[in-house]
Protein backbone atom coordinates (compact mmCIF):
# COMPACT_ATOMS: atom_id res chain seq x y z
CA MET A 1 -9.13 43.23 -160.85
CA GLU A 2 -7.62 40.14 -162.46
CA CYS A 3 -8.84 36.73 -161.28
CA TYR A 4 -7.04 33.75 -162.74
CA LEU A 5 -9.23 30.73 -162.06
CA ASP A 6 -7.90 28.38 -164.73
CA ASN A 7 -5.20 26.67 -162.67
CA SER A 8 -6.07 23.21 -163.98
CA ALA A 9 -4.86 24.43 -167.37
CA THR A 10 -1.62 25.89 -166.05
CA THR A 11 -0.30 27.71 -163.01
CA ARG A 12 1.74 30.80 -162.26
CA CYS A 13 5.36 29.96 -161.40
CA PHE A 14 6.58 30.40 -157.87
CA GLU A 15 8.99 33.35 -157.71
CA SER A 16 11.75 31.07 -156.41
CA VAL A 17 11.21 28.78 -159.39
CA ALA A 18 11.45 31.62 -161.91
CA GLN A 19 14.64 32.89 -160.27
CA LEU A 20 16.28 29.45 -160.34
CA VAL A 21 15.29 28.85 -163.97
CA TYR A 22 16.72 32.25 -164.95
CA LYS A 23 19.97 31.57 -163.11
CA ILE A 24 20.49 28.24 -164.83
CA MET A 25 19.58 29.58 -168.28
CA CYS A 26 21.89 32.60 -168.00
CA GLU A 27 24.69 31.44 -165.70
CA ASP A 28 24.79 27.67 -165.09
CA TYR A 29 23.87 26.75 -168.66
CA GLY A 30 26.19 23.78 -169.25
CA ASN A 31 25.15 20.54 -170.93
CA PRO A 32 24.99 17.82 -168.25
CA SER A 33 26.65 15.38 -170.67
CA SER A 34 29.75 17.59 -170.96
CA LEU A 35 32.79 16.54 -168.94
CA HIS A 36 33.99 20.02 -168.01
CA SER A 37 33.02 21.94 -164.87
CA LYS A 38 29.98 23.60 -166.42
CA GLY A 39 28.64 20.21 -167.45
CA ILE A 40 29.29 18.79 -163.99
CA GLN A 41 27.49 21.80 -162.49
CA ALA A 42 24.48 21.10 -164.72
CA GLU A 43 24.54 17.44 -163.73
CA GLU A 44 24.38 18.51 -160.08
CA TYR A 45 21.05 20.20 -160.77
CA LEU A 46 19.71 16.92 -162.19
CA ARG A 47 20.87 15.06 -159.09
CA TYR A 48 19.23 17.71 -156.91
CA ALA A 49 15.94 17.28 -158.79
CA LYS A 50 16.00 13.50 -158.57
CA ASP A 51 16.75 13.69 -154.86
CA VAL A 52 13.88 16.14 -154.17
CA ILE A 53 11.31 14.20 -156.17
CA SER A 54 12.34 10.72 -155.02
CA ARG A 55 12.27 11.78 -151.36
CA ASN A 56 8.85 13.33 -151.88
CA LEU A 57 7.47 10.11 -153.37
CA LYS A 58 9.52 7.87 -151.05
CA VAL A 59 11.06 6.02 -153.98
CA ASN A 60 14.60 5.53 -155.34
CA ALA A 61 16.17 8.33 -157.38
CA LYS A 62 16.97 5.92 -160.21
CA GLU A 63 13.21 5.34 -160.64
CA ILE A 64 12.63 8.95 -161.78
CA PHE A 65 12.84 9.82 -165.48
CA PHE A 66 12.47 13.39 -166.73
CA THR A 67 10.23 14.12 -169.72
CA SER A 68 8.75 17.11 -171.56
CA GLY A 69 5.54 16.92 -169.51
CA GLY A 70 2.48 14.88 -168.65
CA THR A 71 1.66 13.91 -172.23
CA GLU A 72 5.08 12.42 -172.89
CA SER A 73 5.08 10.69 -169.50
CA ASP A 74 1.73 9.09 -170.30
CA ASN A 75 2.92 8.00 -173.74
CA LEU A 76 6.14 6.54 -172.38
CA ALA A 77 4.27 4.65 -169.66
CA LEU A 78 1.57 3.18 -171.90
CA ARG A 79 3.49 2.52 -175.10
CA GLY A 80 6.70 1.57 -173.30
CA ALA A 81 4.99 -0.91 -170.99
CA ALA A 82 2.67 -2.33 -173.66
CA TYR A 83 5.51 -3.15 -176.06
CA ALA A 84 7.80 -4.48 -173.32
CA ASN A 85 5.16 -6.86 -171.96
CA CYS A 86 3.22 -7.88 -175.07
CA ARG A 87 4.39 -11.49 -174.89
CA GLN A 88 2.63 -11.78 -171.53
CA GLY A 89 -0.63 -10.43 -172.94
CA ARG A 90 -2.20 -7.71 -175.05
CA HIS A 91 -5.08 -6.58 -172.86
CA LEU A 92 -5.13 -3.06 -171.39
CA ILE A 93 -7.63 -1.32 -169.10
CA THR A 94 -8.39 2.36 -168.63
CA THR A 95 -11.44 4.56 -167.96
CA VAL A 96 -13.69 6.63 -170.20
CA ILE A 97 -12.80 9.88 -168.41
CA GLU A 98 -9.03 9.88 -168.90
CA HIS A 99 -7.05 12.77 -170.36
CA PRO A 100 -6.64 12.67 -174.17
CA ALA A 101 -2.96 11.79 -173.65
CA ILE A 102 -4.19 8.46 -172.27
CA LEU A 103 -7.26 7.88 -174.44
CA GLN A 104 -5.56 8.67 -177.75
CA THR A 105 -2.53 6.57 -176.84
CA MET A 106 -4.86 3.69 -175.99
CA GLN A 107 -6.59 4.13 -179.36
CA TYR A 108 -3.18 4.01 -181.05
CA LEU A 109 -2.33 0.80 -179.20
CA GLU A 110 -5.64 -0.71 -180.33
CA GLU A 111 -4.54 -0.02 -183.90
CA GLN A 112 -1.34 -1.92 -183.09
CA GLY A 113 -3.28 -5.02 -182.10
CA PHE A 114 -3.83 -4.48 -178.38
CA GLU A 115 -7.28 -4.88 -176.80
CA VAL A 116 -8.49 -2.08 -174.53
CA THR A 117 -11.32 -2.16 -171.98
CA TYR A 118 -12.74 1.28 -171.14
CA LEU A 119 -14.32 1.28 -167.69
CA PRO A 120 -17.41 3.42 -167.09
CA VAL A 121 -17.78 5.72 -164.08
CA ASP A 122 -20.67 6.56 -161.77
CA GLU A 123 -22.61 9.84 -161.75
CA ASN A 124 -19.84 11.44 -159.69
CA GLY A 125 -17.05 10.40 -162.03
CA ARG A 126 -15.63 7.56 -159.93
CA VAL A 127 -14.62 4.12 -161.16
CA ARG A 128 -16.40 1.20 -159.53
CA LEU A 129 -13.90 -1.25 -158.11
CA SER A 130 -16.27 -4.09 -158.93
CA ASP A 131 -16.06 -3.14 -162.62
CA LEU A 132 -12.28 -3.05 -162.43
CA GLU A 133 -12.11 -6.46 -160.77
CA GLN A 134 -14.34 -8.02 -163.41
CA ALA A 135 -12.30 -6.48 -166.23
CA ILE A 136 -8.89 -7.85 -165.12
CA ARG A 137 -7.92 -11.00 -166.98
CA PRO A 138 -4.89 -13.34 -167.00
CA ASP A 139 -3.65 -11.50 -170.13
CA THR A 140 -4.15 -8.00 -168.69
CA ILE A 141 -0.74 -6.36 -168.75
CA LEU A 142 -1.60 -2.78 -167.81
CA VAL A 143 -4.25 -0.71 -166.03
CA SER A 144 -4.16 3.11 -166.29
CA ILE A 145 -6.40 5.23 -164.04
CA MET A 146 -6.04 8.96 -163.42
CA HIS A 147 -5.67 10.19 -159.84
CA THR A 148 -7.78 13.35 -160.21
CA ASN A 149 -10.09 14.16 -163.09
CA ASN A 150 -9.13 17.37 -164.84
CA GLU A 151 -12.70 18.43 -165.68
CA ILE A 152 -14.77 17.81 -162.54
CA GLY A 153 -12.13 17.03 -159.91
CA SER A 154 -13.35 13.54 -159.09
CA LEU A 155 -10.86 11.50 -157.05
CA GLN A 156 -10.32 7.87 -157.96
CA PRO A 157 -9.79 5.15 -155.30
CA ILE A 158 -6.16 4.72 -156.33
CA ALA A 159 -4.84 2.87 -153.29
CA GLU A 160 -7.80 0.48 -153.31
CA ALA A 161 -7.47 -0.06 -157.06
CA GLY A 162 -3.76 -0.78 -156.72
CA GLU A 163 -4.34 -3.35 -154.02
CA LEU A 164 -7.12 -4.97 -156.05
CA ILE A 165 -5.03 -5.18 -159.23
CA LYS A 166 -2.11 -6.86 -157.48
CA ARG A 167 -4.43 -9.28 -155.70
CA VAL A 168 -6.30 -10.34 -158.86
CA ASN A 169 -3.27 -10.43 -161.18
CA PRO A 170 0.12 -9.60 -159.59
CA LYS A 171 1.74 -9.34 -163.03
CA THR A 172 -0.55 -6.52 -164.17
CA LEU A 173 1.14 -3.11 -164.13
CA PHE A 174 -0.66 -0.11 -162.63
CA HIS A 175 -0.10 3.34 -164.15
CA VAL A 176 -1.53 6.51 -162.62
CA ASP A 177 -1.82 9.85 -164.40
CA ALA A 178 -1.28 12.18 -161.42
CA VAL A 179 -0.98 15.42 -163.39
CA GLN A 180 -3.91 17.00 -161.54
CA GLY A 181 -3.42 15.21 -158.22
CA TYR A 182 0.29 15.68 -157.60
CA GLY A 183 0.94 18.81 -155.57
CA LYS A 184 -2.57 18.63 -154.09
CA PHE A 185 -2.17 15.31 -152.27
CA ARG A 186 0.65 13.20 -150.87
CA ILE A 187 1.18 10.28 -153.20
CA TYR A 188 3.38 7.30 -152.31
CA PRO A 189 3.61 4.86 -155.25
CA LYS A 190 5.05 1.90 -153.37
CA ARG A 191 2.39 2.03 -150.65
CA MET A 192 -0.36 2.41 -153.24
CA HIS A 193 0.89 -0.39 -155.55
CA ILE A 194 1.57 2.12 -158.34
CA ASP A 195 4.14 0.91 -160.89
CA MET A 196 4.27 4.10 -162.97
CA LEU A 197 3.24 7.69 -162.17
CA SER A 198 3.00 10.66 -164.56
CA VAL A 199 3.50 14.27 -163.40
CA SER A 200 3.70 17.65 -165.17
CA GLY A 201 5.70 20.62 -163.87
CA HIS A 202 3.45 23.48 -164.96
CA LYS A 203 0.48 22.20 -162.95
CA ILE A 204 2.40 22.68 -159.67
CA HIS A 205 3.73 26.23 -160.22
CA GLY A 206 6.76 25.00 -162.10
CA PRO A 207 7.85 25.64 -165.71
CA LYS A 208 6.05 24.42 -168.81
CA GLY A 209 7.63 21.78 -171.00
CA VAL A 210 8.90 19.53 -168.24
CA GLY A 211 7.56 16.58 -166.25
CA PHE A 212 8.61 13.21 -164.94
CA LEU A 213 7.63 9.58 -164.96
CA TYR A 214 8.18 7.33 -161.96
CA VAL A 215 8.93 3.79 -163.08
CA GLY A 216 9.34 1.08 -160.44
CA GLU A 217 12.74 -0.58 -160.81
CA LYS A 218 11.20 -4.00 -161.49
CA VAL A 219 8.89 -2.68 -164.24
CA LYS A 220 9.65 -3.76 -167.81
CA ILE A 221 9.37 -0.74 -170.09
CA ARG A 222 10.84 0.23 -173.46
CA PRO A 223 11.92 3.73 -174.50
CA VAL A 224 9.91 5.54 -177.17
CA ILE A 225 12.53 8.25 -177.91
CA PHE A 226 15.98 7.23 -179.11
CA GLY A 227 19.18 9.18 -179.48
CA GLY A 228 22.10 10.01 -177.24
CA GLY A 229 21.23 7.53 -174.52
CA GLN A 230 20.61 10.05 -171.75
CA GLN A 231 18.81 8.87 -168.61
CA HIS A 232 20.19 5.33 -169.07
CA GLY A 233 18.70 5.20 -172.55
CA MET A 234 15.14 5.42 -171.25
CA ARG A 235 14.60 8.97 -172.49
CA SER A 236 17.25 10.25 -174.90
CA GLY A 237 17.78 13.94 -175.54
CA THR A 238 19.70 16.67 -173.74
CA GLU A 239 17.97 17.19 -170.41
CA ASN A 240 16.01 20.41 -169.88
CA VAL A 241 18.12 21.39 -166.88
CA PRO A 242 16.40 24.75 -166.11
CA GLY A 243 12.97 23.15 -166.35
CA ILE A 244 13.90 20.07 -164.34
CA ALA A 245 15.50 22.08 -161.55
CA GLY A 246 12.59 24.52 -161.59
CA MET A 247 10.11 21.65 -161.29
CA ALA A 248 12.04 20.27 -158.32
CA LYS A 249 12.00 23.68 -156.65
CA ALA A 250 8.22 23.82 -157.20
CA VAL A 251 7.89 20.39 -155.54
CA GLU A 252 9.79 21.71 -152.52
CA GLU A 253 7.61 24.82 -152.34
CA ILE A 254 4.21 23.22 -152.82
CA TYR A 255 4.83 20.36 -150.38
CA ARG A 256 6.35 22.54 -147.67
CA ASP A 257 2.94 23.38 -146.15
CA LEU A 258 0.72 21.08 -148.18
CA GLU A 259 -1.94 20.38 -145.57
CA ALA A 260 -2.37 24.07 -144.73
CA GLU A 261 -2.64 25.02 -148.41
CA GLN A 262 -5.02 22.12 -149.00
CA ASP A 263 -7.27 23.35 -146.18
CA LYS A 264 -7.18 26.85 -147.66
CA MET A 265 -8.21 25.64 -151.12
CA TYR A 266 -11.02 23.49 -149.73
CA ALA A 267 -12.30 26.53 -147.82
CA LEU A 268 -12.24 28.59 -151.03
CA ARG A 269 -13.93 25.76 -152.90
CA ASN A 270 -16.72 25.51 -150.33
CA MET A 271 -17.14 29.28 -150.33
CA PHE A 272 -17.44 29.32 -154.10
CA VAL A 273 -19.82 26.34 -154.29
CA GLU A 274 -22.13 27.80 -151.63
CA GLY A 275 -22.12 31.13 -153.41
CA VAL A 276 -22.71 29.87 -156.93
CA GLN A 277 -25.62 27.67 -155.81
CA LYS A 278 -27.52 30.83 -154.88
CA LEU A 279 -28.12 31.26 -158.59
CA GLU A 280 -31.12 29.48 -160.10
CA GLY A 281 -30.58 26.75 -162.67
CA VAL A 282 -27.10 25.85 -161.49
CA ARG A 283 -25.65 22.37 -161.14
CA VAL A 284 -22.30 21.62 -159.46
CA ASN A 285 -20.87 18.44 -160.94
CA GLY A 286 -19.06 15.83 -158.86
CA LEU A 287 -18.92 15.11 -155.15
CA PRO A 288 -18.96 17.83 -152.45
CA GLY A 289 -16.20 19.01 -150.12
CA ARG A 290 -13.21 16.78 -149.51
CA GLU A 291 -14.67 13.98 -151.57
CA SER A 292 -13.38 15.92 -154.60
CA ALA A 293 -10.12 17.69 -155.39
CA PRO A 294 -9.60 20.99 -153.56
CA HIS A 295 -8.91 23.03 -156.67
CA VAL A 296 -11.51 22.06 -159.29
CA VAL A 297 -15.18 23.05 -159.46
CA SER A 298 -17.31 22.18 -162.49
CA VAL A 299 -20.52 24.20 -162.74
CA SER A 300 -23.30 23.93 -165.30
CA PHE A 301 -25.45 27.01 -165.93
CA ALA A 302 -28.81 26.17 -167.51
CA GLY A 303 -29.62 28.31 -170.54
CA VAL A 304 -26.13 29.80 -170.94
CA ARG A 305 -23.54 28.62 -173.46
CA SER A 306 -20.19 28.06 -171.80
CA GLU A 307 -18.18 29.94 -174.44
CA VAL A 308 -20.41 32.99 -174.10
CA LEU A 309 -20.13 33.00 -170.30
CA LEU A 310 -16.38 32.40 -170.49
CA HIS A 311 -15.84 35.52 -172.61
CA ALA A 312 -18.28 37.59 -170.55
CA LEU A 313 -16.22 36.75 -167.46
CA GLU A 314 -13.02 37.47 -169.36
CA GLU A 315 -14.23 41.01 -170.02
CA LYS A 316 -14.28 41.47 -166.25
CA GLY A 317 -10.75 40.08 -165.89
CA ILE A 318 -11.85 36.61 -164.76
CA TYR A 319 -10.17 33.72 -166.54
CA VAL A 320 -11.85 30.30 -166.51
CA SER A 321 -12.20 27.30 -168.81
CA SER A 322 -15.04 25.58 -170.63
CA GLY A 323 -13.40 22.19 -170.08
CA SER A 324 -10.04 20.49 -170.47
CA ALA A 325 -7.55 22.96 -171.97
CA CYS A 326 -5.89 20.14 -173.91
CA ALA A 327 -9.18 19.23 -175.57
CA SER A 328 -10.76 22.67 -175.92
CA ASN A 329 -10.38 22.61 -179.72
CA HIS A 330 -12.54 19.48 -179.88
CA PRO A 331 -15.62 20.28 -177.81
CA ASP A 332 -17.72 17.54 -179.35
CA THR A 333 -15.27 14.74 -178.57
CA ALA A 334 -12.68 14.40 -175.82
CA GLY A 335 -13.45 17.72 -174.15
CA SER A 336 -16.92 16.64 -172.99
CA ALA A 337 -16.19 12.92 -172.51
CA THR A 338 -16.26 13.23 -168.73
CA LEU A 339 -19.53 15.15 -168.70
CA ARG A 340 -21.16 12.58 -170.98
CA ALA A 341 -19.75 9.74 -168.89
CA ILE A 342 -21.36 11.02 -165.67
CA GLY A 343 -24.71 11.27 -167.42
CA LEU A 344 -24.94 15.06 -167.49
CA PRO A 345 -28.22 16.04 -169.22
CA LYS A 346 -27.73 17.18 -172.82
CA GLU A 347 -28.79 20.75 -172.10
CA PHE A 348 -25.86 21.13 -169.69
CA LEU A 349 -23.14 19.68 -171.92
CA SER A 350 -22.50 23.01 -173.66
CA SER A 351 -23.24 25.09 -170.56
CA THR A 352 -20.46 23.97 -168.20
CA ILE A 353 -17.58 26.05 -166.86
CA ARG A 354 -14.54 24.81 -164.94
CA PHE A 355 -13.25 27.05 -162.17
CA SER A 356 -9.88 25.95 -160.78
CA PHE A 357 -7.95 27.45 -157.88
CA SER A 358 -4.37 27.50 -156.62
CA VAL A 359 -2.32 28.53 -153.60
CA PHE A 360 -2.40 32.08 -155.00
CA THR A 361 -6.23 32.29 -155.12
CA THR A 362 -7.80 34.64 -152.57
CA GLU A 363 -11.21 35.09 -150.93
CA GLU A 364 -11.43 38.49 -152.59
CA GLU A 365 -11.14 36.85 -156.00
CA ILE A 366 -13.87 34.35 -155.11
CA ARG A 367 -16.22 37.12 -153.98
CA PHE A 368 -15.46 39.16 -157.10
CA THR A 369 -16.16 36.16 -159.35
CA LEU A 370 -19.42 35.30 -157.59
CA GLN A 371 -20.67 38.86 -157.93
CA ALA A 372 -19.77 38.82 -161.61
CA LEU A 373 -21.78 35.61 -162.06
CA TYR A 374 -24.75 37.13 -160.21
CA ASP A 375 -24.63 40.05 -162.63
CA ILE A 376 -23.87 38.22 -165.88
CA VAL A 377 -25.81 34.94 -165.82
CA PRO A 378 -29.36 36.41 -165.57
CA VAL A 379 -28.58 38.83 -168.41
CA LEU A 380 -27.21 36.10 -170.67
CA ARG A 381 -30.25 33.96 -169.97
CA ARG A 382 -32.58 36.77 -171.05
CA PHE A 383 -30.68 37.12 -174.34
CA THR A 384 -30.75 33.35 -174.86
CA ARG A 385 -34.53 33.20 -174.44
CA ARG A 386 -34.93 35.82 -177.16
């Protein structure tokens, strides 16, 4: 039996998405900048995608810009906004548990002369609004806070943070990395005072290599990629029409019955958490139930190295992660930043596994995985003691 429980790293495409991508790549393959009928046909797919996504977010279609994924969206938001607004101030705010696409971009901006405040989080991985309020200054031009943490599934108080930011300094821009939250929750930027929102297609059962950035029409932002002037010059380069259309189809699919699928994933999450806690020496990181994301469970197994357990599970056809996939090659730095930030004891830092679910995950897979853990963990602990 194969159990794919690494959906925070990437997801299996919906069948309808794969079919649409194939059709566009093999039949409707025109360049949307071309003036002939094939180009016009390709441009129609872009309009379709903008319409789907803008209606989903309840924003204007012209506020959606297509990118190569979450990393580029984050870079465009942070670098583009920082450079466009640097005369107003050079102070930026983020948190210590952000994705490397945010943290490394912030470090780059520090090298360019900007000042960055990194907010701490509590033991459950949540930002304290009081810390945010104290950090905002008259020269603060941008705050970036992720919607859902990719390692432990902690949910940030985004709506409350947005309201606070605009109350303390109305000129401060608010960016949200929603790569892990979009497709799991309904997100409405204008209601939540979000100026920019980053999303990645392959986290919502769409294709890899495509994403989008919502940019409020009144937000000052500069492009970071130059060329043919596509997308009103904000993001040059021939648009990835198959990927963009496929991402839009995934948005339609995943939001069609969102609440029902959300309930299903929370039920699976609760089933898994209850089952894994029957093992001795186990710690589930983050808040319980609906206080966390429905699809992410971070579990620390005392006395078992995460890499060893990961490969032992792989031998049984169970695929999990030892942390953020984007930081897995740097386990001593960004990959464990969240675990260090929540104060996880040192002995657990190298003993933590991330299990992440999707709409395709079944109860049978959960039961199979739990039984595998019951069988494997005690054996690995005996070998470790030797």
